[in-house]
Amino acid sequence: METKEAKLSIIQAGRTAVEELIKVAREPIVTGGEDDVSADRLKNAAATKKLAIFDAFEILNRINEEENMLNNVEKVEHQKRCSLVLLKTGLRSNVRTDASKYS
């Protein structure tokens, strides 16, 4: 597997992880049961939700960074290919021009 393919797979896995973290964050803390009102349970549930939300944002930020790096690498490679084509074309036209001077 190429590096680019691996990064794209990791990005997709990260998006799936974010979706799961969103599900955790959306779950209600108080469901109507007896144990819902205990201070420890409320504190743990709130901490879990907070962690899920911050982790989701952290993953999304990293996904954006990786996608930007991949896009920039593709742009740079495209620019290099274009430059090489222009360079080769320019050199060939100069050779033809120089050769025609001597004929």
N, C-alpha and C. Protein backbone atom coordinates (compact mmCIF):
# COMPACT_ATOMS: atom_id res chain seq x y z
N MET A 1 0.85 -1.17 0.00
CA MET A 1 0.00 0.00 0.00
C MET A 1 0.89 1.24 0.00
N GLU A 2 0.60 2.15 -0.90
CA GLU A 2 1.36 3.38 -0.97
C GLU A 2 1.05 4.29 0.22
N THR A 3 1.93 5.22 0.46
CA THR A 3 1.75 6.15 1.57
C THR A 3 0.47 6.96 1.41
N LYS A 4 0.22 7.44 0.18
CA LYS A 4 -0.98 8.24 -0.05
C LYS A 4 -2.23 7.42 0.22
N GLU A 5 -2.26 6.18 -0.25
CA GLU A 5 -3.42 5.30 -0.01
C GLU A 5 -3.60 5.05 1.47
N ALA A 6 -2.50 4.83 2.18
CA ALA A 6 -2.57 4.59 3.62
C ALA A 6 -3.13 5.81 4.34
N LYS A 7 -2.67 6.99 3.95
CA LYS A 7 -3.16 8.22 4.58
C LYS A 7 -4.65 8.40 4.31
N LEU A 8 -5.09 8.10 3.10
CA LEU A 8 -6.51 8.23 2.78
C LEU A 8 -7.34 7.25 3.60
N SER A 9 -6.82 6.04 3.82
CA SER A 9 -7.51 5.06 4.66
C SER A 9 -7.59 5.52 6.11
N ILE A 10 -6.51 6.11 6.59
CA ILE A 10 -6.49 6.62 7.96
C ILE A 10 -7.48 7.78 8.10
N ILE A 11 -7.54 8.64 7.10
CA ILE A 11 -8.49 9.76 7.12
C ILE A 11 -9.91 9.23 7.19
N GLN A 12 -10.22 8.21 6.40
CA GLN A 12 -11.58 7.64 6.42
C GLN A 12 -11.87 7.01 7.79
N ALA A 13 -10.90 6.33 8.36
CA ALA A 13 -11.09 5.75 9.70
C ALA A 13 -11.29 6.85 10.74
N GLY A 14 -10.59 7.95 10.58
CA GLY A 14 -10.76 9.08 11.49
C GLY A 14 -12.16 9.67 11.41
N ARG A 15 -12.69 9.77 10.19
CA ARG A 15 -14.06 10.28 10.03
C ARG A 15 -15.07 9.34 10.70
N THR A 16 -14.85 8.05 10.59
CA THR A 16 -15.72 7.07 11.25
C THR A 16 -15.63 7.23 12.76
N ALA A 17 -14.43 7.43 13.27
CA ALA A 17 -14.24 7.62 14.71
C ALA A 17 -14.97 8.88 15.19
N VAL A 18 -14.92 9.93 14.40
CA VAL A 18 -15.61 11.17 14.76
C VAL A 18 -17.11 10.92 14.84
N GLU A 19 -17.65 10.17 13.88
CA GLU A 19 -19.09 9.85 13.91
C GLU A 19 -19.46 9.11 15.18
N GLU A 20 -18.62 8.17 15.60
CA GLU A 20 -18.88 7.43 16.84
C GLU A 20 -18.79 8.33 18.06
N LEU A 21 -17.83 9.23 18.07
CA LEU A 21 -17.71 10.16 19.19
C LEU A 21 -18.91 11.10 19.27
N ILE A 22 -19.45 11.47 18.13
CA ILE A 22 -20.65 12.31 18.11
C ILE A 22 -21.82 11.55 18.73
N LYS A 23 -21.93 10.26 18.43
CA LYS A 23 -22.99 9.44 19.04
C LYS A 23 -22.86 9.43 20.56
N VAL A 24 -21.65 9.29 21.05
CA VAL A 24 -21.41 9.30 22.50
C VAL A 24 -21.82 10.65 23.09
N ALA A 25 -21.45 11.72 22.42
CA ALA A 25 -21.75 13.06 22.94
C ALA A 25 -23.26 13.35 22.93
N ARG A 26 -23.99 12.73 22.03
CA ARG A 26 -25.44 12.98 21.94
C ARG A 26 -26.28 12.16 22.92
N GLU A 27 -25.70 11.13 23.49
CA GLU A 27 -26.46 10.30 24.43
C GLU A 27 -26.86 11.12 25.65
N PRO A 28 -28.09 10.97 26.10
CA PRO A 28 -28.52 11.75 27.27
C PRO A 28 -27.81 11.25 28.55
N ILE A 29 -27.54 12.18 29.42
CA ILE A 29 -26.92 11.83 30.70
C ILE A 29 -27.98 11.30 31.65
N VAL A 30 -29.10 11.96 31.71
CA VAL A 30 -30.20 11.55 32.59
C VAL A 30 -31.24 10.82 31.75
N THR A 31 -31.46 9.53 32.10
CA THR A 31 -32.40 8.72 31.32
C THR A 31 -33.67 8.38 32.09
N GLY A 32 -33.76 8.81 33.32
CA GLY A 32 -34.97 8.56 34.11
C GLY A 32 -34.85 7.41 35.09
N GLY A 33 -33.71 6.75 35.14
CA GLY A 33 -33.51 5.64 36.08
C GLY A 33 -33.10 6.15 37.46
N GLU A 34 -33.08 5.22 38.43
CA GLU A 34 -32.72 5.57 39.80
C GLU A 34 -31.29 6.08 39.93
N ASP A 35 -30.39 5.46 39.20
CA ASP A 35 -28.97 5.79 39.34
C ASP A 35 -28.58 7.08 38.64
N ASP A 36 -29.49 7.67 37.87
CA ASP A 36 -29.16 8.85 37.09
C ASP A 36 -28.77 10.06 37.91
N VAL A 37 -29.30 10.19 39.11
CA VAL A 37 -29.10 11.42 39.88
C VAL A 37 -27.87 11.39 40.77
N SER A 38 -27.13 10.30 40.83
CA SER A 38 -25.97 10.28 41.69
C SER A 38 -24.91 11.24 41.14
N ALA A 39 -24.26 11.94 42.03
CA ALA A 39 -23.27 12.95 41.65
C ALA A 39 -22.12 12.34 40.87
N ASP A 40 -21.65 11.16 41.31
CA ASP A 40 -20.53 10.51 40.62
C ASP A 40 -20.90 10.15 39.19
N ARG A 41 -22.10 9.63 39.02
CA ARG A 41 -22.54 9.23 37.67
C ARG A 41 -22.65 10.46 36.76
N LEU A 42 -23.21 11.54 37.26
CA LEU A 42 -23.33 12.76 36.46
C LEU A 42 -21.96 13.32 36.10
N LYS A 43 -21.06 13.30 37.08
CA LYS A 43 -19.72 13.82 36.84
C LYS A 43 -18.99 12.98 35.80
N ASN A 44 -19.06 11.67 35.90
CA ASN A 44 -18.41 10.78 34.94
C ASN A 44 -19.00 10.92 33.54
N ALA A 45 -20.33 11.01 33.47
CA ALA A 45 -20.99 11.15 32.17
C ALA A 45 -20.60 12.47 31.51
N ALA A 46 -20.57 13.54 32.28
CA ALA A 46 -20.18 14.84 31.73
C ALA A 46 -18.73 14.83 31.26
N ALA A 47 -17.86 14.20 32.03
CA ALA A 47 -16.45 14.10 31.64
C ALA A 47 -16.28 13.27 30.37
N THR A 48 -17.06 12.20 30.25
CA THR A 48 -17.01 11.36 29.06
C THR A 48 -17.45 12.14 27.83
N LYS A 49 -18.53 12.89 27.95
CA LYS A 49 -19.03 13.70 26.84
C LYS A 49 -18.02 14.77 26.44
N LYS A 50 -17.44 15.43 27.43
CA LYS A 50 -16.45 16.47 27.17
C LYS A 50 -15.26 15.87 26.41
N LEU A 51 -14.78 14.74 26.87
CA LEU A 51 -13.66 14.07 26.22
C LEU A 51 -14.01 13.67 24.79
N ALA A 52 -15.22 13.16 24.58
CA ALA A 52 -15.65 12.76 23.24
C ALA A 52 -15.68 13.96 22.30
N ILE A 53 -16.19 15.08 22.78
CA ILE A 53 -16.28 16.29 21.96
C ILE A 53 -14.90 16.82 21.61
N PHE A 54 -14.02 16.93 22.60
CA PHE A 54 -12.68 17.45 22.34
C PHE A 54 -11.88 16.49 21.44
N ASP A 55 -12.03 15.20 21.64
CA ASP A 55 -11.35 14.23 20.78
C ASP A 55 -11.83 14.35 19.34
N ALA A 56 -13.14 14.53 19.16
CA ALA A 56 -13.70 14.66 17.81
C ALA A 56 -13.11 15.89 17.11
N PHE A 57 -13.05 17.02 17.83
CA PHE A 57 -12.46 18.22 17.23
C PHE A 57 -10.99 18.03 16.90
N GLU A 58 -10.27 17.37 17.78
CA GLU A 58 -8.84 17.13 17.55
C GLU A 58 -8.64 16.25 16.31
N ILE A 59 -9.46 15.21 16.19
CA ILE A 59 -9.36 14.32 15.03
C ILE A 59 -9.70 15.08 13.75
N LEU A 60 -10.77 15.89 13.78
CA LEU A 60 -11.15 16.67 12.60
C LEU A 60 -10.05 17.64 12.19
N ASN A 61 -9.43 18.29 13.16
CA ASN A 61 -8.34 19.21 12.84
C ASN A 61 -7.18 18.47 12.18
N ARG A 62 -6.86 17.31 12.70
CA ARG A 62 -5.75 16.54 12.12
C ARG A 62 -6.10 16.04 10.72
N ILE A 63 -7.36 15.64 10.52
CA ILE A 63 -7.81 15.23 9.19
C ILE A 63 -7.64 16.38 8.21
N ASN A 64 -8.06 17.58 8.60
CA ASN A 64 -7.91 18.75 7.73
C ASN A 64 -6.45 19.01 7.40
N GLU A 65 -5.57 18.90 8.39
CA GLU A 65 -4.14 19.12 8.16
C GLU A 65 -3.59 18.10 7.16
N GLU A 66 -3.95 16.84 7.35
CA GLU A 66 -3.45 15.79 6.46
C GLU A 66 -3.99 15.96 5.04
N GLU A 67 -5.28 16.32 4.92
CA GLU A 67 -5.85 16.54 3.59
C GLU A 67 -5.18 17.73 2.89
N ASN A 68 -4.90 18.78 3.65
CA ASN A 68 -4.20 19.93 3.07
C ASN A 68 -2.80 19.55 2.62
N MET A 69 -2.11 18.75 3.42
CA MET A 69 -0.76 18.31 3.02
C MET A 69 -0.82 17.45 1.76
N LEU A 70 -1.80 16.54 1.69
CA LEU A 70 -1.94 15.72 0.50
C LEU A 70 -2.25 16.57 -0.73
N ASN A 71 -3.14 17.55 -0.58
CA ASN A 71 -3.48 18.42 -1.70
C ASN A 71 -2.29 19.26 -2.13
N ASN A 72 -1.51 19.76 -1.17
CA ASN A 72 -0.33 20.56 -1.51
C ASN A 72 0.72 19.72 -2.21
N VAL A 73 0.90 18.50 -1.78
CA VAL A 73 1.87 17.61 -2.43
C VAL A 73 1.44 17.37 -3.88
N GLU A 74 0.15 17.14 -4.10
CA GLU A 74 -0.35 16.93 -5.46
C GLU A 74 -0.14 18.18 -6.31
N LYS A 75 -0.38 19.37 -5.74
CA LYS A 75 -0.18 20.62 -6.48
C LYS A 75 1.27 20.81 -6.84
N VAL A 76 2.17 20.53 -5.89
CA VAL A 76 3.60 20.69 -6.15
C VAL A 76 4.05 19.71 -7.22
N GLU A 77 3.58 18.46 -7.15
CA GLU A 77 3.95 17.48 -8.17
C GLU A 77 3.43 17.91 -9.54
N HIS A 78 2.22 18.44 -9.60
CA HIS A 78 1.66 18.92 -10.85
C HIS A 78 2.49 20.09 -11.40
N GLN A 79 2.86 21.01 -10.53
CA GLN A 79 3.68 22.16 -10.95
C GLN A 79 5.03 21.70 -11.47
N LYS A 80 5.62 20.69 -10.82
CA LYS A 80 6.91 20.17 -11.27
C LYS A 80 6.77 19.55 -12.65
N ARG A 81 5.69 18.76 -12.85
CA ARG A 81 5.49 18.14 -14.16
C ARG A 81 5.30 19.20 -15.23
N CYS A 82 4.51 20.23 -14.92
CA CYS A 82 4.30 21.32 -15.89
C CYS A 82 5.59 22.05 -16.20
N SER A 83 6.39 22.29 -15.17
CA SER A 83 7.68 22.97 -15.37
C SER A 83 8.60 22.14 -16.23
N LEU A 84 8.63 20.83 -16.00
CA LEU A 84 9.48 19.96 -16.81
C LEU A 84 9.03 19.95 -18.26
N VAL A 85 7.73 19.90 -18.47
CA VAL A 85 7.21 19.92 -19.84
C VAL A 85 7.59 21.22 -20.52
N LEU A 86 7.41 22.34 -19.83
CA LEU A 86 7.77 23.63 -20.40
C LEU A 86 9.27 23.73 -20.65
N LEU A 87 10.03 23.21 -19.72
CA LEU A 87 11.48 23.25 -19.86
C LEU A 87 11.91 22.42 -21.07
N LYS A 88 11.38 21.21 -21.19
CA LYS A 88 11.72 20.34 -22.32
C LYS A 88 11.27 20.96 -23.63
N THR A 89 10.08 21.51 -23.65
CA THR A 89 9.55 22.14 -24.85
C THR A 89 10.39 23.34 -25.22
N GLY A 90 10.74 24.13 -24.24
CA GLY A 90 11.57 25.31 -24.49
C GLY A 90 12.94 24.94 -25.00
N LEU A 91 13.54 23.92 -24.45
CA LEU A 91 14.87 23.47 -24.91
C LEU A 91 14.79 22.94 -26.33
N ARG A 92 13.77 22.19 -26.65
CA ARG A 92 13.64 21.63 -27.99
C ARG A 92 13.45 22.75 -29.02
N SER A 93 12.64 23.73 -28.67
CA SER A 93 12.43 24.82 -29.63
C SER A 93 13.70 25.63 -29.82
N ASN A 94 14.49 25.79 -28.74
CA ASN A 94 15.76 26.50 -28.87
C ASN A 94 16.74 25.72 -29.73
N VAL A 95 16.76 24.40 -29.59
CA VAL A 95 17.67 23.57 -30.38
C VAL A 95 17.29 23.68 -31.85
N ARG A 96 16.02 23.63 -32.14
CA ARG A 96 15.57 23.76 -33.53
C ARG A 96 15.94 25.13 -34.09
N THR A 97 15.75 26.14 -33.30
CA THR A 97 16.07 27.51 -33.74
C THR A 97 17.55 27.63 -34.00
N ASP A 98 18.37 27.13 -33.07
CA ASP A 98 19.83 27.21 -33.23
C ASP A 98 20.29 26.40 -34.44
N ALA A 99 19.70 25.24 -34.66
CA ALA A 99 20.09 24.38 -35.77
C ALA A 99 19.71 25.04 -37.09
N SER A 100 18.60 25.75 -37.13
CA SER A 100 18.17 26.37 -38.38
C SER A 100 19.10 27.54 -38.76
N LYS A 101 19.78 28.12 -37.80
CA LYS A 101 20.73 29.20 -38.09
C LYS A 101 21.90 28.68 -38.92
N TYR A 102 22.27 27.44 -38.67
CA TYR A 102 23.47 26.89 -39.30
C TYR A 102 23.17 26.16 -40.59
N SER A 103 21.92 26.00 -40.97
CA SER A 103 21.62 25.25 -42.21
C SER A 103 21.65 26.13 -43.40
